[in-house]
All heavy atoms as atom14 arrays in JSON, in Angstrom:
{
  "sequence": "AVVLLCAAALGTPTTITSLSDVYVIRLRFREQLASVPGVFGYLVGW",
  "atom14_mask": [
    [1, 1, 1, 1, 1, 0, 0, 0, 0, 0, 0, 0, 0, 0],
    [1, 1, 1, 1, 1, 1, 1, 0, 0, 0, 0, 0, 0, 0],
    [1, 1, 1, 1, 1, 1, 1, 0, 0, 0, 0, 0, 0, 0],
    [1, 1, 1, 1, 1, 1, 1, 1, 0, 0, 0, 0, 0, 0],
    [1, 1, 1, 1, 1, 1, 1, 1, 0, 0, 0, 0, 0, 0],
    [1, 1, 1, 1, 1, 1, 0, 0, 0, 0, 0, 0, 0, 0],
    [1, 1, 1, 1, 1, 0, 0, 0, 0, 0, 0, 0, 0, 0],
    [1, 1, 1, 1, 1, 0, 0, 0, 0, 0, 0, 0, 0, 0],
    [1, 1, 1, 1, 1, 0, 0, 0, 0, 0, 0, 0, 0, 0],
    [1, 1, 1, 1, 1, 1, 1, 1, 0, 0, 0, 0, 0, 0],
    [1, 1, 1, 1, 0, 0, 0, 0, 0, 0, 0, 0, 0, 0],
    [1, 1, 1, 1, 1, 1, 1, 0, 0, 0, 0, 0, 0, 0],
    [1, 1, 1, 1, 1, 1, 1, 0, 0, 0, 0, 0, 0, 0],
    [1, 1, 1, 1, 1, 1, 1, 0, 0, 0, 0, 0, 0, 0],
    [1, 1, 1, 1, 1, 1, 1, 0, 0, 0, 0, 0, 0, 0],
    [1, 1, 1, 1, 1, 1, 1, 1, 0, 0, 0, 0, 0, 0],
    [1, 1, 1, 1, 1, 1, 1, 0, 0, 0, 0, 0, 0, 0],
    [1, 1, 1, 1, 1, 1, 0, 0, 0, 0, 0, 0, 0, 0],
    [1, 1, 1, 1, 1, 1, 1, 1, 0, 0, 0, 0, 0, 0],
    [1, 1, 1, 1, 1, 1, 0, 0, 0, 0, 0, 0, 0, 0],
    [1, 1, 1, 1, 1, 1, 1, 1, 0, 0, 0, 0, 0, 0],
    [1, 1, 1, 1, 1, 1, 1, 0, 0, 0, 0, 0, 0, 0],
    [1, 1, 1, 1, 1, 1, 1, 1, 1, 1, 1, 1, 0, 0],
    [1, 1, 1, 1, 1, 1, 1, 0, 0, 0, 0, 0, 0, 0],
    [1, 1, 1, 1, 1, 1, 1, 1, 0, 0, 0, 0, 0, 0],
    [1, 1, 1, 1, 1, 1, 1, 1, 1, 1, 1, 0, 0, 0],
    [1, 1, 1, 1, 1, 1, 1, 1, 0, 0, 0, 0, 0, 0],
    [1, 1, 1, 1, 1, 1, 1, 1, 1, 1, 1, 0, 0, 0],
    [1, 1, 1, 1, 1, 1, 1, 1, 1, 1, 1, 0, 0, 0],
    [1, 1, 1, 1, 1, 1, 1, 1, 1, 1, 1, 0, 0, 0],
    [1, 1, 1, 1, 1, 1, 1, 1, 1, 0, 0, 0, 0, 0],
    [1, 1, 1, 1, 1, 1, 1, 1, 1, 0, 0, 0, 0, 0],
    [1, 1, 1, 1, 1, 1, 1, 1, 0, 0, 0, 0, 0, 0],
    [1, 1, 1, 1, 1, 0, 0, 0, 0, 0, 0, 0, 0, 0],
    [1, 1, 1, 1, 1, 1, 0, 0, 0, 0, 0, 0, 0, 0],
    [1, 1, 1, 1, 1, 1, 1, 0, 0, 0, 0, 0, 0, 0],
    [1, 1, 1, 1, 1, 1, 1, 0, 0, 0, 0, 0, 0, 0],
    [1, 1, 1, 1, 0, 0, 0, 0, 0, 0, 0, 0, 0, 0],
    [1, 1, 1, 1, 1, 1, 1, 0, 0, 0, 0, 0, 0, 0],
    [1, 1, 1, 1, 1, 1, 1, 1, 1, 1, 1, 0, 0, 0],
    [1, 1, 1, 1, 0, 0, 0, 0, 0, 0, 0, 0, 0, 0],
    [1, 1, 1, 1, 1, 1, 1, 1, 1, 1, 1, 1, 0, 0],
    [1, 1, 1, 1, 1, 1, 1, 1, 0, 0, 0, 0, 0, 0],
    [1, 1, 1, 1, 1, 1, 1, 0, 0, 0, 0, 0, 0, 0],
    [1, 1, 1, 1, 0, 0, 0, 0, 0, 0, 0, 0, 0, 0],
    [1, 1, 1, 1, 1, 1, 1, 1, 1, 1, 1, 1, 1, 1]
  ],
  "atom14_positions": [
    [[0.82, -1.21, -0.01], [-0.02, 0.01, 0.01], [0.86, 1.25, 0.01], [0.6, 2.21, -0.74], [-0.92, -0.01, 1.22], [0.0, 0.0, 0.0], [0.0, 0.0, 0.0], [0.0, 0.0, 0.0], [0.0, 0.0, 0.0], [0.0, 0.0, 0.0], [0.0, 0.0, 0.0], [0.0, 0.0, 0.0], [0.0, 0.0, 0.0], [0.0, 0.0, 0.0]],
    [[1.93, 1.28, 0.8], [2.8, 2.46, 0.87], [3.52, 2.66, -0.45], [3.63, 3.77, -0.97], [3.79, 2.32, 2.05], [4.84, 3.39, 1.97], [3.05, 2.41, 3.37], [0.0, 0.0, 0.0], [0.0, 0.0, 0.0], [0.0, 0.0, 0.0], [0.0, 0.0, 0.0], [0.0, 0.0, 0.0], [0.0, 0.0, 0.0], [0.0, 0.0, 0.0]],
    [[4.01, 1.58, -1.05], [4.7, 1.67, -2.34], [3.77, 2.19, -3.42], [4.13, 3.05, -4.22], [5.33, 0.31, -2.74], [5.76, 0.3, -4.18], [6.49, -0.01, -1.83], [0.0, 0.0, 0.0], [0.0, 0.0, 0.0], [0.0, 0.0, 0.0], [0.0, 0.0, 0.0], [0.0, 0.0, 0.0], [0.0, 0.0, 0.0], [0.0, 0.0, 0.0]],
    [[2.53, 1.69, -3.44], [1.55, 2.18, -4.44], [1.2, 3.63, -4.23], [1.1, 4.41, -5.18], [0.29, 1.32, -4.39], [0.44, -0.12, -4.92], [-0.84, -0.92, -4.66], [0.78, -0.09, -6.38], [0.0, 0.0, 0.0], [0.0, 0.0, 0.0], [0.0, 0.0, 0.0], [0.0, 0.0, 0.0], [0.0, 0.0, 0.0], [0.0, 0.0, 0.0]],
    [[1.03, 4.06, -2.97], [0.77, 5.47, -2.68], [1.95, 6.36, -3.15], [1.73, 7.4, -3.76], [0.55, 5.69, -1.18], [-0.85, 5.35, -0.68], [-0.88, 5.42, 0.84], [-1.88, 6.3, -1.25], [0.0, 0.0, 0.0], [0.0, 0.0, 0.0], [0.0, 0.0, 0.0], [0.0, 0.0, 0.0], [0.0, 0.0, 0.0], [0.0, 0.0, 0.0]],
    [[3.16, 5.93, -2.82], [4.34, 6.73, -3.23], [4.47, 6.75, -4.75], [4.83, 7.78, -5.33], [5.6, 6.15, -2.57], [5.71, 6.51, -0.81], [0.0, 0.0, 0.0], [0.0, 0.0, 0.0], [0.0, 0.0, 0.0], [0.0, 0.0, 0.0], [0.0, 0.0, 0.0], [0.0, 0.0, 0.0], [0.0, 0.0, 0.0], [0.0, 0.0, 0.0]],
    [[4.2, 5.62, -5.4], [4.29, 5.59, -6.88], [3.24, 6.49, -7.48], [3.51, 7.16, -8.48], [4.15, 4.15, -7.36], [0.0, 0.0, 0.0], [0.0, 0.0, 0.0], [0.0, 0.0, 0.0], [0.0, 0.0, 0.0], [0.0, 0.0, 0.0], [0.0, 0.0, 0.0], [0.0, 0.0, 0.0], [0.0, 0.0, 0.0], [0.0, 0.0, 0.0]],
    [[2.04, 6.54, -6.89], [0.98, 7.4, -7.44], [1.36, 8.88, -7.27], [1.08, 9.68, -8.17], [-0.35, 7.11, -6.73], [0.0, 0.0, 0.0], [0.0, 0.0, 0.0], [0.0, 0.0, 0.0], [0.0, 0.0, 0.0], [0.0, 0.0, 0.0], [0.0, 0.0, 0.0], [0.0, 0.0, 0.0], [0.0, 0.0, 0.0], [0.0, 0.0, 0.0]],
    [[1.97, 9.22, -6.17], [2.3, 10.63, -5.9], [3.62, 11.06, -6.57], [3.73, 12.18, -7.05], [2.38, 10.89, -4.41], [0.0, 0.0, 0.0], [0.0, 0.0, 0.0], [0.0, 0.0, 0.0], [0.0, 0.0, 0.0], [0.0, 0.0, 0.0], [0.0, 0.0, 0.0], [0.0, 0.0, 0.0], [0.0, 0.0, 0.0], [0.0, 0.0, 0.0]],
    [[4.6, 10.17, -6.59], [5.96, 10.55, -7.03], [6.31, 9.99, -8.4], [7.32, 10.39, -8.98], [7.0, 10.09, -6.01], [6.79, 10.61, -4.57], [7.7, 9.87, -3.62], [7.05, 12.11, -4.54], [0.0, 0.0, 0.0], [0.0, 0.0, 0.0], [0.0, 0.0, 0.0], [0.0, 0.0, 0.0], [0.0, 0.0, 0.0], [0.0, 0.0, 0.0]],
    [[5.53, 9.07, -8.91], [5.84, 8.42, -10.19], [6.75, 7.22, -9.94], [7.2, 6.95, -8.85], [0.0, 0.0, 0.0], [0.0, 0.0, 0.0], [0.0, 0.0, 0.0], [0.0, 0.0, 0.0], [0.0, 0.0, 0.0], [0.0, 0.0, 0.0], [0.0, 0.0, 0.0], [0.0, 0.0, 0.0], [0.0, 0.0, 0.0], [0.0, 0.0, 0.0]],
    [[6.97, 6.49, -11.0], [7.82, 5.3, -10.94], [9.1, 5.56, -11.72], [9.09, 6.24, -12.75], [7.12, 4.05, -11.5], [6.69, 4.34, -12.83], [5.92, 3.69, -10.67], [0.0, 0.0, 0.0], [0.0, 0.0, 0.0], [0.0, 0.0, 0.0], [0.0, 0.0, 0.0], [0.0, 0.0, 0.0], [0.0, 0.0, 0.0], [0.0, 0.0, 0.0]],
    [[10.22, 5.0, -11.25], [11.49, 5.2, -11.97], [11.43, 4.47, -13.32], [10.88, 3.38, -13.41], [12.54, 4.6, -11.07], [11.79, 3.72, -10.12], [10.39, 4.23, -10.04], [0.0, 0.0, 0.0], [0.0, 0.0, 0.0], [0.0, 0.0, 0.0], [0.0, 0.0, 0.0], [0.0, 0.0, 0.0], [0.0, 0.0, 0.0], [0.0, 0.0, 0.0]],
    [[12.02, 5.1, -14.32], [12.03, 4.49, -15.65], [13.44, 4.08, -16.11], [13.61, 3.5, -17.15], [11.43, 5.45, -16.68], [12.17, 6.69, -16.62], [9.97, 5.72, -16.39], [0.0, 0.0, 0.0], [0.0, 0.0, 0.0], [0.0, 0.0, 0.0], [0.0, 0.0, 0.0], [0.0, 0.0, 0.0], [0.0, 0.0, 0.0], [0.0, 0.0, 0.0]],
    [[14.46, 4.45, -15.32], [15.82, 4.1, -15.68], [16.53, 3.51, -14.45], [16.12, 3.73, -13.33], [16.61, 5.34, -16.15], [16.61, 6.31, -15.09], [16.02, 5.94, -17.4], [0.0, 0.0, 0.0], [0.0, 0.0, 0.0], [0.0, 0.0, 0.0], [0.0, 0.0, 0.0], [0.0, 0.0, 0.0], [0.0, 0.0, 0.0], [0.0, 0.0, 0.0]],
    [[17.6, 2.79, -14.72], [18.44, 2.27, -13.65], [19.46, 3.34, -13.27], [20.12, 3.89, -14.14], [19.13, 0.97, -14.08], [18.07, -0.11, -14.37], [20.11, 0.49, -13.04], [18.63, -1.37, -14.91], [0.0, 0.0, 0.0], [0.0, 0.0, 0.0], [0.0, 0.0, 0.0], [0.0, 0.0, 0.0], [0.0, 0.0, 0.0], [0.0, 0.0, 0.0]],
    [[19.57, 3.62, -11.98], [20.46, 4.67, -11.51], [21.92, 4.21, -11.55], [22.24, 3.12, -11.06], [20.09, 5.07, -10.05], [18.73, 5.46, -10.05], [20.94, 6.2, -9.57], [0.0, 0.0, 0.0], [0.0, 0.0, 0.0], [0.0, 0.0, 0.0], [0.0, 0.0, 0.0], [0.0, 0.0, 0.0], [0.0, 0.0, 0.0], [0.0, 0.0, 0.0]],
    [[22.77, 5.04, -12.08], [24.19, 4.76, -12.09], [24.77, 5.15, -10.74], [24.33, 6.1, -10.09], [24.87, 5.56, -13.2], [26.27, 5.53, -13.04], [0.0, 0.0, 0.0], [0.0, 0.0, 0.0], [0.0, 0.0, 0.0], [0.0, 0.0, 0.0], [0.0, 0.0, 0.0], [0.0, 0.0, 0.0], [0.0, 0.0, 0.0], [0.0, 0.0, 0.0]],
    [[25.79, 4.41, -10.27], [26.41, 4.73, -8.99], [27.06, 6.13, -9.0], [27.16, 6.78, -7.96], [27.47, 3.67, -8.62], [26.91, 2.33, -8.19], [28.06, 1.37, -7.92], [26.07, 2.48, -6.94], [0.0, 0.0, 0.0], [0.0, 0.0, 0.0], [0.0, 0.0, 0.0], [0.0, 0.0, 0.0], [0.0, 0.0, 0.0], [0.0, 0.0, 0.0]],
    [[27.45, 6.59, -10.13], [28.07, 7.92, -10.21], [27.05, 9.03, -10.14], [27.4, 10.18, -9.93], [28.89, 8.06, -11.49], [28.05, 7.87, -12.62], [0.0, 0.0, 0.0], [0.0, 0.0, 0.0], [0.0, 0.0, 0.0], [0.0, 0.0, 0.0], [0.0, 0.0, 0.0], [0.0, 0.0, 0.0], [0.0, 0.0, 0.0], [0.0, 0.0, 0.0]],
    [[25.76, 8.7, -10.3], [24.71, 9.72, -10.26], [23.85, 9.69, -9.0], [22.79, 10.29, -8.96], [23.76, 9.56, -11.48], [24.46, 9.82, -12.78], [25.49, 10.53, -12.75], [24.03, 9.3, -13.8], [0.0, 0.0, 0.0], [0.0, 0.0, 0.0], [0.0, 0.0, 0.0], [0.0, 0.0, 0.0], [0.0, 0.0, 0.0], [0.0, 0.0, 0.0]],
    [[24.27, 8.92, -8.0], [23.44, 8.69, -6.83], [23.04, 10.0, -6.15], [21.89, 10.21, -5.81], [24.15, 7.76, -5.82], [23.43, 7.72, -4.52], [24.24, 6.36, -6.41], [0.0, 0.0, 0.0], [0.0, 0.0, 0.0], [0.0, 0.0, 0.0], [0.0, 0.0, 0.0], [0.0, 0.0, 0.0], [0.0, 0.0, 0.0], [0.0, 0.0, 0.0]],
    [[23.99, 10.89, -6.0], [23.7, 12.16, -5.27], [22.79, 13.07, -6.07], [21.96, 13.76, -5.51], [24.99, 12.87, -4.86], [25.76, 12.09, -3.85], [26.89, 11.36, -4.17], [25.31, 12.03, -2.53], [27.56, 10.63, -3.21], [25.97, 11.29, -1.55], [27.09, 10.59, -1.9], [27.74, 9.84, -0.95], [0.0, 0.0, 0.0], [0.0, 0.0, 0.0]],
    [[22.93, 13.06, -7.39], [22.04, 13.85, -8.25], [20.61, 13.33, -8.15], [19.66, 14.09, -7.98], [22.54, 13.83, -9.71], [21.56, 14.53, -10.63], [23.92, 14.45, -9.8], [0.0, 0.0, 0.0], [0.0, 0.0, 0.0], [0.0, 0.0, 0.0], [0.0, 0.0, 0.0], [0.0, 0.0, 0.0], [0.0, 0.0, 0.0], [0.0, 0.0, 0.0]],
    [[20.48, 12.01, -8.23], [19.15, 11.39, -8.13], [18.53, 11.67, -6.76], [17.34, 11.97, -6.64], [19.23, 9.87, -8.38], [19.78, 9.59, -9.76], [17.89, 9.2, -8.18], [18.93, 10.05, -10.89], [0.0, 0.0, 0.0], [0.0, 0.0, 0.0], [0.0, 0.0, 0.0], [0.0, 0.0, 0.0], [0.0, 0.0, 0.0], [0.0, 0.0, 0.0]],
    [[19.35, 11.57, -5.72], [18.88, 11.81, -4.37], [18.37, 13.25, -4.2], [17.34, 13.5, -3.59], [20.01, 11.53, -3.37], [19.53, 11.17, -2.0], [20.71, 10.86, -1.13], [21.08, 9.47, -1.25], [22.13, 8.93, -0.67], [22.9, 9.69, 0.08], [22.42, 7.68, -0.79], [0.0, 0.0, 0.0], [0.0, 0.0, 0.0], [0.0, 0.0, 0.0]],
    [[19.11, 14.21, -4.79], [18.71, 15.62, -4.73], [17.41, 15.84, -5.49], [16.51, 16.53, -4.99], [19.83, 16.49, -5.3], [19.58, 18.01, -5.28], [19.37, 18.49, -3.83], [20.72, 18.75, -5.94], [0.0, 0.0, 0.0], [0.0, 0.0, 0.0], [0.0, 0.0, 0.0], [0.0, 0.0, 0.0], [0.0, 0.0, 0.0], [0.0, 0.0, 0.0]],
    [[17.27, 15.25, -6.66], [16.02, 15.37, -7.41], [14.84, 14.79, -6.64], [13.75, 15.32, -6.65], [16.15, 14.63, -8.77], [16.9, 15.42, -9.79], [16.77, 14.74, -11.16], [17.92, 15.05, -11.94], [18.55, 14.21, -12.76], [18.12, 12.98, -12.87], [19.59, 14.58, -13.44], [0.0, 0.0, 0.0], [0.0, 0.0, 0.0], [0.0, 0.0, 0.0]],
    [[15.1, 13.64, -5.99], [14.05, 13.01, -5.21], [13.58, 13.9, -4.05], [12.4, 14.03, -3.8], [14.49, 11.64, -4.7], [13.45, 10.94, -3.87], [12.32, 10.4, -4.5], [13.58, 10.81, -2.51], [11.33, 9.77, -3.76], [12.62, 10.18, -1.75], [11.49, 9.66, -2.37], [0.0, 0.0, 0.0], [0.0, 0.0, 0.0], [0.0, 0.0, 0.0]],
    [[14.55, 14.53, -3.38], [14.19, 15.42, -2.29], [13.35, 16.6, -2.79], [12.4, 17.04, -2.17], [15.45, 15.95, -1.61], [16.07, 14.94, -0.7], [17.21, 15.51, 0.09], [17.91, 14.48, 0.81], [19.2, 14.5, 1.08], [19.94, 15.53, 0.73], [19.75, 13.52, 1.74], [0.0, 0.0, 0.0], [0.0, 0.0, 0.0], [0.0, 0.0, 0.0]],
    [[13.74, 17.15, -3.96], [12.97, 18.27, -4.53], [11.55, 17.81, -4.89], [10.58, 18.51, -4.64], [13.7, 18.8, -5.77], [14.99, 19.51, -5.46], [15.8, 19.81, -6.71], [15.42, 19.41, -7.81], [16.85, 20.48, -6.56], [0.0, 0.0, 0.0], [0.0, 0.0, 0.0], [0.0, 0.0, 0.0], [0.0, 0.0, 0.0], [0.0, 0.0, 0.0]],
    [[11.46, 16.63, -5.47], [10.15, 16.1, -5.82], [9.31, 15.78, -4.58], [8.11, 16.04, -4.55], [10.32, 14.82, -6.69], [9.03, 14.35, -7.3], [9.24, 13.14, -8.18], [10.32, 12.57, -8.22], [8.2, 12.72, -8.9], [0.0, 0.0, 0.0], [0.0, 0.0, 0.0], [0.0, 0.0, 0.0], [0.0, 0.0, 0.0], [0.0, 0.0, 0.0]],
    [[9.96, 15.27, -3.55], [9.23, 14.96, -2.3], [8.73, 16.22, -1.63], [7.68, 16.2, -0.99], [10.22, 14.2, -1.36], [9.61, 13.47, -0.2], [8.59, 12.42, -0.67], [10.69, 12.8, 0.65], [0.0, 0.0, 0.0], [0.0, 0.0, 0.0], [0.0, 0.0, 0.0], [0.0, 0.0, 0.0], [0.0, 0.0, 0.0], [0.0, 0.0, 0.0]],
    [[9.44, 17.34, -1.81], [9.0, 18.61, -1.23], [7.77, 19.15, -1.94], [7.04, 20.0, -1.4], [10.13, 19.62, -1.27], [0.0, 0.0, 0.0], [0.0, 0.0, 0.0], [0.0, 0.0, 0.0], [0.0, 0.0, 0.0], [0.0, 0.0, 0.0], [0.0, 0.0, 0.0], [0.0, 0.0, 0.0], [0.0, 0.0, 0.0], [0.0, 0.0, 0.0]],
    [[7.5, 18.7, -3.15], [6.37, 19.22, -3.93], [5.06, 18.45, -3.69], [4.03, 18.86, -4.19], [6.71, 19.23, -5.42], [6.82, 17.89, -5.89], [0.0, 0.0, 0.0], [0.0, 0.0, 0.0], [0.0, 0.0, 0.0], [0.0, 0.0, 0.0], [0.0, 0.0, 0.0], [0.0, 0.0, 0.0], [0.0, 0.0, 0.0], [0.0, 0.0, 0.0]],
    [[5.12, 17.35, -2.97], [3.9, 16.58, -2.67], [3.51, 16.77, -1.22], [4.28, 17.31, -0.46], [4.11, 15.07, -2.98], [4.37, 14.88, -4.48], [5.22, 14.49, -2.15], [0.0, 0.0, 0.0], [0.0, 0.0, 0.0], [0.0, 0.0, 0.0], [0.0, 0.0, 0.0], [0.0, 0.0, 0.0], [0.0, 0.0, 0.0], [0.0, 0.0, 0.0]],
    [[2.28, 16.37, -0.83], [1.88, 16.55, 0.58], [2.87, 15.94, 1.55], [3.53, 14.91, 1.26], [0.53, 15.84, 0.64], [0.01, 15.89, -0.75], [1.2, 15.83, -1.64], [0.0, 0.0, 0.0], [0.0, 0.0, 0.0], [0.0, 0.0, 0.0], [0.0, 0.0, 0.0], [0.0, 0.0, 0.0], [0.0, 0.0, 0.0], [0.0, 0.0, 0.0]],
    [[2.99, 16.54, 2.74], [3.99, 16.13, 3.72], [3.9, 14.73, 4.21], [4.89, 14.16, 4.66], [0.0, 0.0, 0.0], [0.0, 0.0, 0.0], [0.0, 0.0, 0.0], [0.0, 0.0, 0.0], [0.0, 0.0, 0.0], [0.0, 0.0, 0.0], [0.0, 0.0, 0.0], [0.0, 0.0, 0.0], [0.0, 0.0, 0.0], [0.0, 0.0, 0.0]],
    [[2.73, 14.1, 4.09], [2.59, 12.71, 4.57], [3.5, 11.75, 3.83], [3.94, 10.75, 4.37], [1.1, 12.27, 4.46], [0.68, 12.09, 3.02], [0.86, 10.99, 5.23], [0.0, 0.0, 0.0], [0.0, 0.0, 0.0], [0.0, 0.0, 0.0], [0.0, 0.0, 0.0], [0.0, 0.0, 0.0], [0.0, 0.0, 0.0], [0.0, 0.0, 0.0]],
    [[3.84, 12.09, 2.56], [4.68, 11.19, 1.79], [6.12, 11.16, 2.34], [6.8, 10.16, 2.19], [4.66, 11.57, 0.32], [3.34, 11.23, -0.32], [2.38, 12.2, -0.48], [3.05, 9.91, -0.67], [1.15, 11.88, -1.03], [1.82, 9.59, -1.21], [0.87, 10.59, -1.42], [0.0, 0.0, 0.0], [0.0, 0.0, 0.0], [0.0, 0.0, 0.0]],
    [[6.55, 12.25, 2.94], [7.87, 12.24, 3.62], [7.89, 11.21, 4.73], [8.87, 10.48, 4.9], [0.0, 0.0, 0.0], [0.0, 0.0, 0.0], [0.0, 0.0, 0.0], [0.0, 0.0, 0.0], [0.0, 0.0, 0.0], [0.0, 0.0, 0.0], [0.0, 0.0, 0.0], [0.0, 0.0, 0.0], [0.0, 0.0, 0.0], [0.0, 0.0, 0.0]],
    [[6.8, 11.13, 5.48], [6.69, 10.12, 6.53], [6.63, 8.71, 5.97], [7.23, 7.79, 6.49], [5.45, 10.36, 7.41], [5.59, 11.59, 8.3], [4.85, 12.73, 8.03], [6.44, 11.58, 9.38], [4.97, 13.85, 8.85], [6.56, 12.69, 10.2], [5.83, 13.82, 9.92], [5.96, 14.92, 10.71], [0.0, 0.0, 0.0], [0.0, 0.0, 0.0]],
    [[5.87, 8.55, 4.87], [5.76, 7.24, 4.27], [7.11, 6.72, 3.77], [7.44, 5.55, 3.96], [4.74, 7.26, 3.11], [3.29, 7.43, 3.5], [2.41, 7.54, 2.26], [2.84, 6.3, 4.4], [0.0, 0.0, 0.0], [0.0, 0.0, 0.0], [0.0, 0.0, 0.0], [0.0, 0.0, 0.0], [0.0, 0.0, 0.0], [0.0, 0.0, 0.0]],
    [[7.88, 7.59, 3.14], [9.2, 7.2, 2.67], [10.1, 6.83, 3.86], [10.82, 5.84, 3.82], [9.85, 8.32, 1.81], [11.29, 8.01, 1.54], [9.08, 8.48, 0.52], [0.0, 0.0, 0.0], [0.0, 0.0, 0.0], [0.0, 0.0, 0.0], [0.0, 0.0, 0.0], [0.0, 0.0, 0.0], [0.0, 0.0, 0.0], [0.0, 0.0, 0.0]],
    [[10.01, 7.61, 4.92], [10.79, 7.31, 6.15], [10.39, 5.95, 6.73], [11.23, 5.17, 7.15], [0.0, 0.0, 0.0], [0.0, 0.0, 0.0], [0.0, 0.0, 0.0], [0.0, 0.0, 0.0], [0.0, 0.0, 0.0], [0.0, 0.0, 0.0], [0.0, 0.0, 0.0], [0.0, 0.0, 0.0], [0.0, 0.0, 0.0], [0.0, 0.0, 0.0]],
    [[9.07, 5.65, 6.75], [8.59, 4.38, 7.26], [9.03, 3.24, 6.38], [9.37, 2.16, 6.87], [7.06, 4.41, 7.37], [6.6, 5.04, 8.63], [6.65, 6.37, 8.94], [6.02, 4.39, 9.75], [6.13, 6.57, 10.17], [5.72, 5.37, 10.7], [5.69, 3.06, 10.02], [5.15, 5.11, 11.93], [5.11, 2.8, 11.26], [4.85, 3.78, 12.18]]
  ]
}
């Protein structure tokens, strides 16, 4: 249920992340997480 909620709000990944891009992907994810309701921050933490 949590994965489906997060996928509905944040979308699903379409590419495999390279190890050299981990920090860029993480920064984009934080920006995207800030644009959705705050409950999703808790869901990701859980």
